[in-house]
Amino acid sequence: MLHYSIVFFIIALIAAVFGFGGIAAGAVEIAKILFFIFAILAIVGFISSLIRKG
């Protein structure tokens, strides 16, 4: 998921450079959503790993 977040961020940067504001904004929103989903899943995985070992 982090990979897709980075890909959409790069697409947004390229679109912004060429002046496609709407596409860039959409790609940034998708990248943000995917990043937060990845962060939440990483935290849940870390906590569940601590609980299992403890």
Protein backbone atom coordinates (compact mmCIF):
# COMPACT_ATOMS: atom_id res chain seq x y z
CA MET A 1 0.00 0.00 0.00
CA LEU A 2 2.85 2.35 0.70
CA HIS A 3 4.09 1.66 -2.82
CA TYR A 4 0.77 2.83 -4.31
CA SER A 5 0.84 5.91 -2.12
CA ILE A 6 4.28 6.83 -3.45
CA VAL A 7 3.20 6.14 -7.04
CA PHE A 8 0.17 8.44 -6.75
CA PHE A 9 2.35 11.12 -5.14
CA ILE A 10 4.78 10.97 -8.09
CA ILE A 11 1.87 11.14 -10.54
CA ALA A 12 0.60 14.21 -8.69
CA LEU A 13 4.01 15.88 -8.90
CA ILE A 14 4.29 15.22 -12.63
CA ALA A 15 0.74 16.46 -13.24
CA ALA A 16 1.44 19.60 -11.20
CA VAL A 17 4.58 20.34 -13.22
CA PHE A 18 2.62 20.14 -16.49
CA GLY A 19 -0.23 22.25 -15.12
CA PHE A 20 -2.98 19.66 -14.70
CA GLY A 21 -4.37 20.95 -11.39
CA GLY A 22 -7.42 18.71 -11.18
CA ILE A 23 -5.48 15.53 -11.85
CA ALA A 24 -2.78 16.54 -9.39
CA ALA A 25 -5.31 17.25 -6.66
CA GLY A 26 -7.02 13.91 -7.22
CA ALA A 27 -3.76 11.99 -7.14
CA VAL A 28 -2.68 13.76 -3.95
CA GLU A 29 -5.96 12.85 -2.24
CA ILE A 30 -5.59 9.20 -3.22
CA ALA A 31 -1.97 9.18 -2.02
CA LYS A 32 -3.00 10.68 1.33
CA ILE A 33 -5.77 8.15 1.87
CA LEU A 34 -3.52 5.21 1.01
CA PHE A 35 -0.76 6.54 3.27
CA PHE A 36 -3.09 6.86 6.26
CA ILE A 37 -4.51 3.38 5.67
CA PHE A 38 -0.95 2.02 5.56
CA ALA A 39 -0.01 3.88 8.75
CA ILE A 40 -3.07 2.58 10.62
CA LEU A 41 -2.42 -1.00 9.48
CA ALA A 42 1.24 -0.71 10.49
CA ILE A 43 0.31 0.53 13.98
CA VAL A 44 -2.32 -2.21 14.43
CA GLY A 45 0.20 -4.83 13.31
CA PHE A 46 2.83 -3.51 15.71
CA ILE A 47 0.44 -3.47 18.65
CA SER A 48 -0.89 -6.96 17.90
CA SER A 49 2.68 -8.22 17.65
CA LEU A 50 3.46 -6.76 21.10
CA ILE A 51 0.33 -8.30 22.60
CA ARG A 52 1.10 -11.73 21.15
CA LYS A 53 4.66 -11.76 22.52
CA GLY A 54 3.69 -10.38 25.93
